C-alpha cells in the first residue's frame, strides 16, 4: 500500500508539472531581458502597436542598476542613478502598452514559428517574433569585498565610471586587451593607474602592451593577486599578494579610490546557443548594420551582441533597431 501511494504521488506530481508547462500564451513580440536595450525595444515596439510582452530577467534593469551615478546618458544634464533611469525607461515602455513582467527565460525553442520560450520552467510564450536583450554579466574575482563596495569604488566599466575618479589613484585588474584599454582610458583621467596582473606578462596584443608601457602614470604590478579591499563605506585601498604560493610571497597594500574589474564579461546567451550563431565567447552574432540573427524573426540587441562598446546609449540604440527590424519583418512575414 505504501509503494502504491508513492506511485500515485509521483504520477500526480508529473501531471501537475505537465499542467503548469502547458500554460501557453501567444504574443506578437516577446522581449527577453530589460535594461536600456530591452526597454527601448519595448517603447518602439509598443508605439508600433505590436503589443510587446517583456520578461525582465534575473536583474530587472540590467547592469545599470548596480551603478550609482550615470552622467553620460543624453537627457539627464544633472546625472541620474542607474536604478532611477531604468525605472524611467520602464514607465515609458509601460505607458505605451508594454506588458512588463517579472520572470526569467529558462528554455527556448527557436526551430520554427511561433517561437516557444519557457518562463521560469512554468509558462510558455509562443511569439511571432523574439527580441533578445539579455545582456552580459561582468566577471568578478569572487571576493566578498566586491559586493561590499559595489557602488562605492568597485566598477566593471571604466568608460561608465572613470569620470568620478579624476585626479585620484585607481587600480585595474586584468592582463588582456580589455584591461589594457581600461587602464589607458583611466590614465587620461586619473592621477595614477595600478594595473594588477596575475602573471609575469600581459595577454594583451603587442600594440596595446606598447601603449601601456609608454604611459607614464600606469604602474604594472606583476604577479599580484587581490586579497581584499579597504575603506570606510567606500574603497580607500587594496590588499594584494605578490608571488602567491612561492617563497617570495608577500602582502602588499596600495592606496586607491577606485577598483576596476577588467577580466571580461559573459554574455547571457546560453539558452539560445542551439539555434543562434555566437562568437567563441558567446556573443550573439548579428548581420552587420542590423539586429538580425541567423534565425529569421529573432533579433538581438544590447550587450548580449555587443562586446565592443557596452554603453547604455549604444544598447538603447540597438534596442530601437531591434524593434524596427522586428516591425518590418513581421509586416513582410505574417504568421498565417
C-alpha atoms as a PDB file:
ATOM      1  CA  UNK A   1       0.000   0.000   0.000  1.00  0.00           C
ATOM      2  CA  UNK A   2       2.827   2.368   0.829  1.00  0.00           C
ATOM      3  CA  UNK A   3       4.510   1.754  -2.529  1.00  0.00           C
ATOM      4  CA  UNK A   4       1.243   2.308  -4.355  1.00  0.00           C
ATOM      5  CA  UNK A   5       0.792   5.583  -2.518  1.00  0.00           C
ATOM      6  CA  UNK A   6       4.217   6.764  -3.642  1.00  0.00           C
ATOM      7  CA  UNK A   7       3.450   5.898  -7.241  1.00  0.00           C
ATOM      8  CA  UNK A   8       0.232   7.886  -7.041  1.00  0.00           C
ATOM      9  CA  UNK A   9       2.091  10.899  -5.635  1.00  0.00           C
ATOM     10  CA  UNK A  10       4.731  10.753  -8.345  1.00  0.00           C
ATOM     11  CA  UNK A  11       2.044  10.481 -11.012  1.00  0.00           C
ATOM     12  CA  UNK A  12       0.148  13.441  -9.553  1.00  0.00           C
ATOM     13  CA  UNK A  13       3.361  15.463  -9.439  1.00  0.00           C
ATOM     14  CA  UNK A  14       4.093  14.615 -13.068  1.00  0.00           C
ATOM     15  CA  UNK A  15       0.602  15.639 -14.114  1.00  0.00           C
ATOM     16  CA  UNK A  16       0.893  18.866 -12.142  1.00  0.00           C
ATOM     17  CA  UNK A  17       4.201  19.709 -13.841  1.00  0.00           C
ATOM     18  CA  UNK A  18       2.697  18.927 -17.244  1.00  0.00           C
ATOM     19  CA  UNK A  19      -0.272  21.135 -16.460  1.00  0.00           C
ATOM     20  CA  UNK A  20       2.000  24.036 -15.487  1.00  0.00           C
ATOM     21  CA  UNK A  21       4.141  23.787 -18.619  1.00  0.00           C
ATOM     22  CA  UNK A  22       1.044  23.736 -20.827  1.00  0.00           C
ATOM     23  CA  UNK A  23       0.201  27.229 -19.605  1.00  0.00           C
ATOM     24  CA  UNK A  24       0.670  28.826 -23.018  1.00  0.00           C
ATOM     25  CA  UNK A  25       0.270  32.455 -24.052  1.00  0.00           C
ATOM     26  CA  UNK A  26       0.576  33.900 -27.537  1.00  0.00           C
ATOM     27  CA  UNK A  27       2.407  37.166 -28.210  1.00  0.00           C
ATOM     28  CA  UNK A  28       3.184  39.226 -31.270  1.00  0.00           C
ATOM     29  CA  UNK A  29       6.599  40.228 -29.969  1.00  0.00           C
ATOM     30  CA  UNK A  30       8.403  38.790 -26.952  1.00  0.00           C
ATOM     31  CA  UNK A  31      11.256  40.815 -25.452  1.00  0.00           C
ATOM     32  CA  UNK A  32      13.579  38.824 -23.227  1.00  0.00           C
ATOM     33  CA  UNK A  33      15.564  40.949 -20.783  1.00  0.00           C
ATOM     34  CA  UNK A  34      15.390  44.548 -19.699  1.00  0.00           C
ATOM     35  CA  UNK A  35      17.988  47.296 -19.365  1.00  0.00           C
ATOM     36  CA  UNK A  36      18.435  50.126 -21.889  1.00  0.00           C
ATOM     37  CA  UNK A  37      18.226  47.765 -24.873  1.00  0.00           C
ATOM     38  CA  UNK A  38      15.145  45.862 -23.775  1.00  0.00           C
ATOM     39  CA  UNK A  39      13.195  48.860 -22.520  1.00  0.00           C
ATOM     40  CA  UNK A  40      13.960  50.898 -25.646  1.00  0.00           C
ATOM     41  CA  UNK A  41      12.901  47.990 -27.840  1.00  0.00           C
ATOM     42  CA  UNK A  42       9.692  47.825 -25.814  1.00  0.00           C
ATOM     43  CA  UNK A  43       8.998  51.538 -26.257  1.00  0.00           C
ATOM     44  CA  UNK A  44       9.378  51.353 -30.038  1.00  0.00           C
ATOM     45  CA  UNK A  45       7.527  48.047 -30.385  1.00  0.00           C
ATOM     46  CA  UNK A  46       4.620  49.286 -28.281  1.00  0.00           C
ATOM     47  CA  UNK A  47       4.355  52.513 -30.265  1.00  0.00           C
ATOM     48  CA  UNK A  48       4.191  50.371 -33.411  1.00  0.00           C
ATOM     49  CA  UNK A  49       1.133  48.569 -31.966  1.00  0.00           C
ATOM     50  CA  UNK A  50       2.986  45.258 -31.637  1.00  0.00           C
ATOM     51  CA  UNK A  51       1.725  44.736 -28.055  1.00  0.00           C
ATOM     52  CA  UNK A  52       5.112  43.558 -26.771  1.00  0.00           C
ATOM     53  CA  UNK A  53       5.429  41.235 -23.786  1.00  0.00           C
ATOM     54  CA  UNK A  54       8.637  41.716 -21.787  1.00  0.00           C
ATOM     55  CA  UNK A  55      10.181  39.483 -19.168  1.00  0.00           C
ATOM     56  CA  UNK A  56      12.743  41.440 -17.168  1.00  0.00           C
ATOM     57  CA  UNK A  57      15.050  38.588 -16.242  1.00  0.00           C
ATOM     58  CA  UNK A  58      17.093  37.919 -13.129  1.00  0.00           C
ATOM     59  CA  UNK A  59      18.300  41.535 -12.845  1.00  0.00           C
ATOM     60  CA  UNK A  60      15.495  43.930 -13.877  1.00  0.00           C
ATOM     61  CA  UNK A  61      17.096  46.999 -15.415  1.00  0.00           C
ATOM     62  CA  UNK A  62      20.341  45.193 -16.173  1.00  0.00           C
ATOM     63  CA  UNK A  63      23.854  46.157 -15.135  1.00  0.00           C
ATOM     64  CA  UNK A  64      22.974  49.834 -14.739  1.00  0.00           C
ATOM     65  CA  UNK A  65      21.016  49.035 -11.594  1.00  0.00           C
ATOM     66  CA  UNK A  66      24.376  48.474  -9.882  1.00  0.00           C
ATOM     67  CA  UNK A  67      25.662  51.916 -10.938  1.00  0.00           C
ATOM     68  CA  UNK A  68      25.223  54.820  -8.558  1.00  0.00           C
ATOM     69  CA  UNK A  69      25.552  57.764 -10.954  1.00  0.00           C
ATOM     70  CA  UNK A  70      25.005  57.922 -14.712  1.00  0.00           C
ATOM     71  CA  UNK A  71      26.225  61.182 -16.215  1.00  0.00           C
ATOM     72  CA  UNK A  72      26.843  60.235 -19.846  1.00  0.00           C
ATOM     73  CA  UNK A  73      23.317  59.337 -20.959  1.00  0.00           C
ATOM     74  CA  UNK A  74      21.637  62.108 -23.000  1.00  0.00           C
ATOM     75  CA  UNK A  75      18.703  63.838 -21.353  1.00  0.00           C
ATOM     76  CA  UNK A  76      19.977  63.858 -17.783  1.00  0.00           C
ATOM     77  CA  UNK A  77      22.055  67.063 -17.513  1.00  0.00           C
ATOM     78  CA  UNK A  78      22.421  66.718 -13.736  1.00  0.00           C
ATOM     79  CA  UNK A  79      23.035  62.989 -13.858  1.00  0.00           C
ATOM     80  CA  UNK A  80      20.822  60.201 -12.575  1.00  0.00           C
ATOM     81  CA  UNK A  81      21.268  56.985 -10.657  1.00  0.00           C
ATOM     82  CA  UNK A  82      21.176  53.773 -12.653  1.00  0.00           C
ATOM     83  CA  UNK A  83      18.062  52.414 -10.899  1.00  0.00           C
ATOM     84  CA  UNK A  84      16.204  55.716 -11.394  1.00  0.00           C
ATOM     85  CA  UNK A  85      16.994  55.797 -15.096  1.00  0.00           C
ATOM     86  CA  UNK A  86      15.875  52.207 -15.568  1.00  0.00           C
ATOM     87  CA  UNK A  87      12.639  52.943 -13.723  1.00  0.00           C
ATOM     88  CA  UNK A  88      12.042  55.914 -16.063  1.00  0.00           C
ATOM     89  CA  UNK A  89      12.550  53.711 -19.114  1.00  0.00           C
ATOM     90  CA  UNK A  90      10.292  51.023 -17.681  1.00  0.00           C
ATOM     91  CA  UNK A  91       7.490  53.529 -17.035  1.00  0.00           C
ATOM     92  CA  UNK A  92       7.829  54.867 -20.567  1.00  0.00           C
ATOM     93  CA  UNK A  93       7.580  51.350 -22.002  1.00  0.00           C
ATOM     94  CA  UNK A  94       4.503  50.617 -19.883  1.00  0.00           C
ATOM     95  CA  UNK A  95       2.920  53.931 -20.837  1.00  0.00           C
ATOM     96  CA  UNK A  96       2.690  52.795 -24.452  1.00  0.00           C
ATOM     97  CA  UNK A  97       1.262  49.404 -23.568  1.00  0.00           C
ATOM     98  CA  UNK A  98       4.177  47.044 -22.970  1.00  0.00           C
ATOM     99  CA  UNK A  99       3.310  44.211 -20.603  1.00  0.00           C
ATOM    100  CA  UNK A 100       6.365  44.218 -18.339  1.00  0.00           C
ATOM    101  CA  UNK A 101       6.640  41.137 -16.165  1.00  0.00           C
ATOM    102  CA  UNK A 102       8.929  39.608 -13.595  1.00  0.00           C
ATOM    103  CA  UNK A 103      10.357  36.308 -14.812  1.00  0.00           C
ATOM    104  CA  UNK A 104      13.313  34.611 -16.429  1.00  0.00           C
ATOM    105  CA  UNK A 105      13.540  32.731 -19.709  1.00  0.00           C
ATOM    106  CA  UNK A 106      14.759  29.244 -18.876  1.00  0.00           C
ATOM    107  CA  UNK A 107      14.342  27.449 -22.205  1.00  0.00           C
ATOM    108  CA  UNK A 108      13.915  28.407 -25.852  1.00  0.00           C
ATOM    109  CA  UNK A 109      12.802  26.610 -28.980  1.00  0.00           C
ATOM    110  CA  UNK A 110      13.609  28.763 -31.997  1.00  0.00           C
ATOM    111  CA  UNK A 111      13.330  25.954 -34.526  1.00  0.00           C
ATOM    112  CA  UNK A 112      10.063  27.216 -36.010  1.00  0.00           C
ATOM    113  CA  UNK A 113       7.365  29.850 -35.658  1.00  0.00           C
ATOM    114  CA  UNK A 114       5.736  30.563 -33.408  1.00  0.00           C
ATOM    115  CA  UNK A 115       8.916  30.580 -31.336  1.00  0.00           C
ATOM    116  CA  UNK A 116       8.466  28.969 -27.925  1.00  0.00           C
ATOM    117  CA  UNK A 117      10.145  30.440 -24.864  1.00  0.00           C
ATOM    118  CA  UNK A 118       9.643  28.912 -21.433  1.00  0.00           C
ATOM    119  CA  UNK A 119       9.470  31.300 -18.465  1.00  0.00           C
ATOM    120  CA  UNK A 120      10.613  30.077 -15.029  1.00  0.00           C
ATOM    121  CA  UNK A 121      10.076  26.465 -16.216  1.00  0.00           C
ATOM    122  CA  UNK A 122       6.327  27.036 -15.811  1.00  0.00           C
ATOM    123  CA  UNK A 123       4.885  29.024 -18.696  1.00  0.00           C
ATOM    124  CA  UNK A 124       5.412  29.009 -22.449  1.00  0.00           C
ATOM    125  CA  UNK A 125       5.169  32.133 -24.587  1.00  0.00           C
ATOM    126  CA  UNK A 126       4.524  31.483 -28.270  1.00  0.00           C
ATOM    127  CA  UNK A 127       5.833  34.526 -30.098  1.00  0.00           C
ATOM    128  CA  UNK A 128       5.736  35.570 -33.734  1.00  0.00           C
ATOM    129  CA  UNK A 129       8.999  37.467 -33.231  1.00  0.00           C
ATOM    130  CA  UNK A 130      11.562  37.496 -30.435  1.00  0.00           C
ATOM    131  CA  UNK A 131      13.901  40.284 -29.329  1.00  0.00           C
ATOM    132  CA  UNK A 132      16.773  39.102 -27.135  1.00  0.00           C
ATOM    133  CA  UNK A 133      18.126  41.759 -24.755  1.00  0.00           C
ATOM    134  CA  UNK A 134      19.571  39.549 -22.037  1.00  0.00           C
ATOM    135  CA  UNK A 135      22.822  41.500 -21.727  1.00  0.00           C
ATOM    136  CA  UNK A 136      26.136  40.290 -20.369  1.00  0.00           C
ATOM    137  CA  UNK A 137      27.430  39.699 -16.872  1.00  0.00           C
ATOM    138  CA  UNK A 138      30.748  41.164 -15.797  1.00  0.00           C
ATOM    139  CA  UNK A 139      33.209  38.664 -14.385  1.00  0.00           C
ATOM    140  CA  UNK A 140      34.334  39.293 -10.816  1.00  0.00           C
ATOM    141  CA  UNK A 141      37.105  37.834  -8.701  1.00  0.00           C
ATOM    142  CA  UNK A 142      34.641  36.407  -6.209  1.00  0.00           C
ATOM    143  CA  UNK A 143      35.785  38.500  -3.266  1.00  0.00           C
ATOM    144  CA  UNK A 144      33.257  39.396  -0.581  1.00  0.00           C
ATOM    145  CA  UNK A 145      34.556  42.978  -0.718  1.00  0.00           C
ATOM    146  CA  UNK A 146      33.414  43.324  -4.338  1.00  0.00           C
ATOM    147  CA  UNK A 147      29.821  43.184  -3.131  1.00  0.00           C
ATOM    148  CA  UNK A 148      30.559  45.210  -0.010  1.00  0.00           C
ATOM    149  CA  UNK A 149      31.896  48.159  -2.041  1.00  0.00           C
ATOM    150  CA  UNK A 150      29.568  47.846  -5.040  1.00  0.00           C
ATOM    151  CA  UNK A 151      28.702  51.421  -5.981  1.00  0.00           C
ATOM    152  CA  UNK A 152      31.368  52.628  -3.558  1.00  0.00           C
ATOM    153  CA  UNK A 153      34.507  52.258  -5.622  1.00  0.00           C
ATOM    154  CA  UNK A 154      34.136  48.890  -7.340  1.00  0.00           C
ATOM    155  CA  UNK A 155      33.270  49.026 -11.032  1.00  0.00           C
ATOM    156  CA  UNK A 156      33.402  46.826 -14.127  1.00  0.00           C
ATOM    157  CA  UNK A 157      33.227  49.723 -16.592  1.00  0.00           C
ATOM    158  CA  UNK A 158      35.918  52.398 -16.762  1.00  0.00           C
ATOM    159  CA  UNK A 159      34.116  54.274 -19.529  1.00  0.00           C
ATOM    160  CA  UNK A 160      30.990  54.453 -17.367  1.00  0.00           C
ATOM    161  CA  UNK A 161      32.561  55.409 -14.055  1.00  0.00           C
ATOM    162  CA  UNK A 162      36.090  56.680 -14.696  1.00  0.00           C
ATOM    163  CA  UNK A 163      34.947  60.304 -14.697  1.00  0.00           C
ATOM    164  CA  UNK A 164      34.267  60.127 -10.944  1.00  0.00           C
ATOM    165  CA  UNK A 165      37.929  59.409 -10.198  1.00  0.00           C
ATOM    166  CA  UNK A 166      39.563  62.376 -11.871  1.00  0.00           C
ATOM    167  CA  UNK A 167      42.852  63.221 -10.209  1.00  0.00           C
ATOM    168  CA  UNK A 168      42.722  60.146  -7.962  1.00  0.00           C
ATOM    169  CA  UNK A 169      44.527  56.806  -7.861  1.00  0.00           C
ATOM    170  CA  UNK A 170      42.792  53.673  -9.123  1.00  0.00           C
ATOM    171  CA  UNK A 171      43.553  50.035  -9.848  1.00  0.00           C
ATOM    172  CA  UNK A 172      42.602  47.884 -12.825  1.00  0.00           C
ATOM    173  CA  UNK A 173      42.609  44.087 -12.568  1.00  0.00           C
ATOM    174  CA  UNK A 174      43.430  42.077 -15.659  1.00  0.00           C
ATOM    175  CA  UNK A 175      46.083  41.381 -18.261  1.00  0.00           C
ATOM    176  CA  UNK A 176      44.245  41.234 -21.569  1.00  0.00           C
ATOM    177  CA  UNK A 177      43.219  43.787 -24.171  1.00  0.00           C
ATOM    178  CA  UNK A 178      40.208  44.875 -22.125  1.00  0.00           C
ATOM    179  CA  UNK A 179      42.354  45.595 -19.085  1.00  0.00           C
ATOM    180  CA  UNK A 180      44.903  47.460 -21.203  1.00  0.00           C
ATOM    181  CA  UNK A 181      42.155  49.553 -22.824  1.00  0.00           C
ATOM    182  CA  UNK A 182      40.549  50.325 -19.459  1.00  0.00           C
ATOM    183  CA  UNK A 183      43.917  51.311 -17.982  1.00  0.00           C
ATOM    184  CA  UNK A 184      44.692  53.559 -20.957  1.00  0.00           C
ATOM    185  CA  UNK A 185      41.299  55.252 -20.734  1.00  0.00           C
ATOM    186  CA  UNK A 186      41.619  55.841 -16.997  1.00  0.00           C
ATOM    187  CA  UNK A 187      45.195  57.101 -17.363  1.00  0.00           C
ATOM    188  CA  UNK A 188      43.795  60.097 -19.245  1.00  0.00           C
ATOM    189  CA  UNK A 189      41.573  60.980 -16.291  1.00  0.00           C
ATOM    190  CA  UNK A 190      43.220  59.943 -13.060  1.00  0.00           C
ATOM    191  CA  UNK A 191      46.467  60.636 -11.262  1.00  0.00           C
ATOM    192  CA  UNK A 192      47.744  57.057 -11.321  1.00  0.00           C
ATOM    193  CA  UNK A 193      46.636  53.619 -12.503  1.00  0.00           C
ATOM    194  CA  UNK A 194      47.865  50.411 -10.906  1.00  0.00           C
ATOM    195  CA  UNK A 195      47.449  47.555 -13.371  1.00  0.00           C
ATOM    196  CA  UNK A 196      47.210  44.379 -11.284  1.00  0.00           C
ATOM    197  CA  UNK A 197      48.422  41.422 -13.353  1.00  0.00           C
ATOM    198  CA  UNK A 198      48.305  37.872 -12.024  1.00  0.00           C
ATOM    199  CA  UNK A 199      51.087  36.610 -14.286  1.00  0.00           C
ATOM    200  CA  UNK A 200      54.531  37.961 -15.200  1.00  0.00           C
ATOM    201  CA  UNK A 201      53.347  39.032 -18.644  1.00  0.00           C
ATOM    202  CA  UNK A 202      50.367  40.651 -20.341  1.00  0.00           C
ATOM    203  CA  UNK A 203      47.989  38.691 -22.547  1.00  0.00           C
ATOM    204  CA  UNK A 204      47.076  41.887 -24.416  1.00  0.00           C
ATOM    205  CA  UNK A 205      48.042  42.388 -28.054  1.00  0.00           C
ATOM    206  CA  UNK A 206      51.514  43.766 -28.744  1.00  0.00           C
ATOM    207  CA  UNK A 207      50.219  47.181 -29.762  1.00  0.00           C
ATOM    208  CA  UNK A 208      48.192  47.514 -26.559  1.00  0.00           C
ATOM    209  CA  UNK A 209      51.136  46.363 -24.460  1.00  0.00           C
ATOM    210  CA  UNK A 210      53.359  49.005 -26.032  1.00  0.00           C
ATOM    211  CA  UNK A 211      50.800  51.710 -25.282  1.00  0.00           C
ATOM    212  CA  UNK A 212      50.550  50.644 -21.661  1.00  0.00           C
ATOM    213  CA  UNK A 213      54.331  50.535 -21.249  1.00  0.00           C
ATOM    214  CA  UNK A 214      54.647  54.010 -22.737  1.00  0.00           C
ATOM    215  CA  UNK A 215      52.056  55.587 -20.438  1.00  0.00           C
ATOM    216  CA  UNK A 216      53.886  57.143 -17.520  1.00  0.00           C
ATOM    217  CA  UNK A 217      51.087  57.115 -14.970  1.00  0.00           C
ATOM    218  CA  UNK A 218      50.373  53.377 -15.353  1.00  0.00           C
ATOM    219  CA  UNK A 219      52.309  51.167 -12.950  1.00  0.00           C
ATOM    220  CA  UNK A 220      52.115  47.436 -13.599  1.00  0.00           C
ATOM    221  CA  UNK A 221      52.105  45.217 -10.527  1.00  0.00           C
ATOM    222  CA  UNK A 222      53.363  41.920 -11.930  1.00  0.00           C
ATOM    223  CA  UNK A 223      52.447  38.616 -10.264  1.00  0.00           C
ATOM    224  CA  UNK A 224      49.980  40.265  -7.890  1.00  0.00           C
ATOM    225  CA  UNK A 225      46.574  38.973  -6.851  1.00  0.00           C
ATOM    226  CA  UNK A 226      43.895  40.843  -4.947  1.00  0.00           C
ATOM    227  CA  UNK A 227      43.187  39.599  -1.443  1.00  0.00           C
ATOM    228  CA  UNK A 228      40.711  42.267  -0.342  1.00  0.00           C
ATOM    229  CA  UNK A 229      39.698  45.914  -0.278  1.00  0.00           C
ATOM    230  CA  UNK A 230      39.909  48.506   2.465  1.00  0.00           C
ATOM    231  CA  UNK A 231      37.792  51.529   3.312  1.00  0.00           C
ATOM    232  CA  UNK A 232      35.071  53.014   5.472  1.00  0.00           C
ATOM    233  CA  UNK A 233      31.992  52.675   3.254  1.00  0.00           C
ATOM    234  CA  UNK A 234      33.990  53.391   0.085  1.00  0.00           C
ATOM    235  CA  UNK A 235      37.173  51.946  -1.357  1.00  0.00           C
ATOM    236  CA  UNK A 236      40.290  53.527   0.120  1.00  0.00           C
ATOM    237  CA  UNK A 237      42.838  50.819  -0.576  1.00  0.00           C
ATOM    238  CA  UNK A 238      43.523  47.249  -1.654  1.00  0.00           C
ATOM    239  CA  UNK A 239      45.385  44.363  -0.095  1.00  0.00           C
ATOM    240  CA  UNK A 240      47.386  42.360  -2.638  1.00  0.00           C
ATOM    241  CA  UNK A 241      49.504  39.227  -2.506  1.00  0.00           C
ATOM    242  CA  UNK A 242      52.705  39.259  -4.541  1.00  0.00           C
ATOM    243  CA  UNK A 243      54.052  35.980  -5.924  1.00  0.00           C
ATOM    244  CA  UNK A 244      51.434  33.937  -4.121  1.00  0.00           C
ATOM    245  CA  UNK A 245      52.432  30.378  -3.308  1.00  0.00           C
ATOM    246  CA  UNK A 246      56.165  30.995  -3.686  1.00  0.00           C
ATOM    247  CA  UNK A 247      58.945  31.519  -1.092  1.00  0.00           C
ATOM    248  CA  UNK A 248      58.921  35.204  -2.097  1.00  0.00           C
ATOM    249  CA  UNK A 249      55.227  35.636  -1.262  1.00  0.00           C
ATOM    250  CA  UNK A 250      54.434  38.922   0.462  1.00  0.00           C
ATOM    251  CA  UNK A 251      51.419  41.081   1.256  1.00  0.00           C
ATOM    252  CA  UNK A 252      51.251  44.494  -0.375  1.00  0.00           C
ATOM    253  CA  UNK A 253      48.863  47.357   0.320  1.00  0.00           C
ATOM    254  CA  UNK A 254      48.114  50.154  -2.124  1.00  0.00           C
ATOM    255  CA  UNK A 255      46.087  53.320  -1.606  1.00  0.00           C
ATOM    256  CA  UNK A 256      43.350  53.668  -4.219  1.00  0.00           C
ATOM    257  CA  UNK A 257      39.916  55.243  -4.576  1.00  0.00           C
ATOM    258  CA  UNK A 258      38.612  53.040  -7.392  1.00  0.00           C
ATOM    259  CA  UNK A 259      38.892  49.335  -8.164  1.00  0.00           C
ATOM    260  CA  UNK A 260      38.067  48.343 -11.751  1.00  0.00           C
ATOM    261  CA  UNK A 261      37.485  44.765 -12.883  1.00  0.00           C
ATOM    262  CA  UNK A 262      38.598  44.112 -16.465  1.00  0.00           C
ATOM    263  CA  UNK A 263      38.668  40.344 -16.649  1.00  0.00           C
ATOM    264  CA  UNK A 264      35.874  40.008 -19.164  1.00  0.00           C
ATOM    265  CA  UNK A 265      32.125  39.576 -19.495  1.00  0.00           C
ATOM    266  CA  UNK A 266      29.906  36.554 -20.005  1.00  0.00           C
ATOM    267  CA  UNK A 267      27.054  37.152 -22.495  1.00  0.00           C
ATOM    268  CA  UNK A 268      23.743  35.757 -21.257  1.00  0.00           C
ATOM    269  CA  UNK A 269      23.090  33.702 -24.376  1.00  0.00           C
ATOM    270  CA  UNK A 270      23.229  30.135 -23.095  1.00  0.00           C
ATOM    271  CA  UNK A 271      19.646  29.054 -23.766  1.00  0.00           C
ATOM    272  CA  UNK A 272      19.821  30.255 -27.378  1.00  0.00           C
ATOM    273  CA  UNK A 273      23.089  28.623 -28.454  1.00  0.00           C
ATOM    274  CA  UNK A 274      21.424  25.594 -30.042  1.00  0.00           C
ATOM    275  CA  UNK A 275      19.805  27.908 -32.600  1.00  0.00           C
ATOM    276  CA  UNK A 276      21.774  31.148 -32.852  1.00  0.00           C
ATOM    277  CA  UNK A 277      25.285  31.749 -34.104  1.00  0.00           C
ATOM    278  CA  UNK A 278      27.617  33.150 -31.472  1.00  0.00           C
ATOM    279  CA  UNK A 279      31.288  34.020 -31.422  1.00  0.00           C
ATOM    280  CA  UNK A 280      33.828  31.984 -29.477  1.00  0.00           C
ATOM    281  CA  UNK A 281      32.941  33.770 -26.228  1.00  0.00           C
ATOM    282  CA  UNK A 282      29.181  33.508 -26.658  1.00  0.00           C
ATOM    283  CA  UNK A 283      28.112  36.895 -28.007  1.00  0.00           C
ATOM    284  CA  UNK A 284      25.192  36.514 -30.418  1.00  0.00           C
ATOM    285  CA  UNK A 285      26.229  37.361 -33.955  1.00  0.00           C
ATOM    286  CA  UNK A 286      24.016  39.735 -35.910  1.00  0.00           C
ATOM    287  CA  UNK A 287      24.049  40.847 -39.536  1.00  0.00           C
ATOM    288  CA  UNK A 288      26.219  43.997 -39.651  1.00  0.00           C
ATOM    289  CA  UNK A 289      24.133  47.150 -39.537  1.00  0.00           C
ATOM    290  CA  UNK A 290      21.099  45.270 -38.202  1.00  0.00           C
ATOM    291  CA  UNK A 291      19.965  43.288 -35.183  1.00  0.00           C
ATOM    292  CA  UNK A 292      19.021  40.243 -37.277  1.00  0.00           C
ATOM    293  CA  UNK A 293      20.334  36.870 -36.133  1.00  0.00           C
ATOM    294  CA  UNK A 294      20.726  33.776 -38.311  1.00  0.00           C
ATOM    295  CA  UNK A 295      17.139  32.797 -37.396  1.00  0.00           C
ATOM    296  CA  UNK A 296      14.624  34.963 -39.283  1.00  0.00           C
ATOM    297  CA  UNK A 297      12.293  36.642 -36.805  1.00  0.00           C
ATOM    298  CA  UNK A 298      14.764  36.569 -33.933  1.00  0.00           C
ATOM    299  CA  UNK A 299      16.667  39.759 -33.139  1.00  0.00           C
ATOM    300  CA  UNK A 300      19.405  40.551 -30.620  1.00  0.00           C
ATOM    301  CA  UNK A 301      20.307  43.912 -29.107  1.00  0.00           C
ATOM    302  CA  UNK A 302      22.427  45.384 -26.345  1.00  0.00           C
ATOM    303  CA  UNK A 303      25.360  43.770 -24.587  1.00  0.00           C
ATOM    304  CA  UNK A 304      24.383  40.207 -25.496  1.00  0.00           C
ATOM    305  CA  UNK A 305      25.580  41.008 -29.020  1.00  0.00           C
ATOM    306  CA  UNK A 306      27.940  43.957 -28.393  1.00  0.00           C
ATOM    307  CA  UNK A 307      31.365  43.176 -26.961  1.00  0.00           C
ATOM    308  CA  UNK A 308      32.933  46.431 -28.189  1.00  0.00           C
ATOM    309  CA  UNK A 309      31.058  49.455 -26.816  1.00  0.00           C
ATOM    310  CA  UNK A 310      28.943  48.115 -23.915  1.00  0.00           C
ATOM    311  CA  UNK A 311      27.365  51.501 -23.148  1.00  0.00           C
ATOM    312  CA  UNK A 312      23.817  52.343 -22.111  1.00  0.00           C
ATOM    313  CA  UNK A 313      23.345  54.696 -25.047  1.00  0.00           C
ATOM    314  CA  UNK A 314      24.568  52.188 -27.645  1.00  0.00           C
ATOM    315  CA  UNK A 315      22.440  49.466 -26.063  1.00  0.00           C
ATOM    316  CA  UNK A 316      19.405  51.736 -26.287  1.00  0.00           C
ATOM    317  CA  UNK A 317      20.239  52.429 -29.935  1.00  0.00           C
ATOM    318  CA  UNK A 318      20.313  48.752 -30.820  1.00  0.00           C
ATOM    319  CA  UNK A 319      17.075  48.276 -28.886  1.00  0.00           C
ATOM    320  CA  UNK A 320      15.458  50.811 -31.193  1.00  0.00           C
ATOM    321  CA  UNK A 321      16.930  48.996 -34.203  1.00  0.00           C
ATOM    322  CA  UNK A 322      15.622  45.632 -32.983  1.00  0.00           C
ATOM    323  CA  UNK A 323      12.064  46.916 -32.639  1.00  0.00           C
ATOM    324  CA  UNK A 324      12.129  48.489 -36.097  1.00  0.00           C
ATOM    325  CA  UNK A 325      13.704  45.361 -37.604  1.00  0.00           C
ATOM    326  CA  UNK A 326      11.010  43.248 -35.937  1.00  0.00           C
ATOM    327  CA  UNK A 327       8.183  45.525 -37.068  1.00  0.00           C
ATOM    328  CA  UNK A 328       9.315  45.451 -40.705  1.00  0.00           C
ATOM    329  CA  UNK A 329       9.966  41.720 -40.652  1.00  0.00           C
ATOM    330  CA  UNK A 330       6.524  40.955 -39.204  1.00  0.00           C
ATOM    331  CA  UNK A 331       4.862  43.124 -41.855  1.00  0.00           C
ATOM    332  CA  UNK A 332       6.625  41.121 -44.566  1.00  0.00           C
ATOM    333  CA  UNK A 333       6.180  37.727 -42.892  1.00  0.00           C
ATOM    334  CA  UNK A 334       2.724  37.476 -41.290  1.00  0.00           C
ATOM    335  CA  UNK A 335       2.081  34.269 -39.402  1.00  0.00           C
ATOM    336  CA  UNK A 336      -0.807  32.539 -41.153  1.00  0.00           C
END
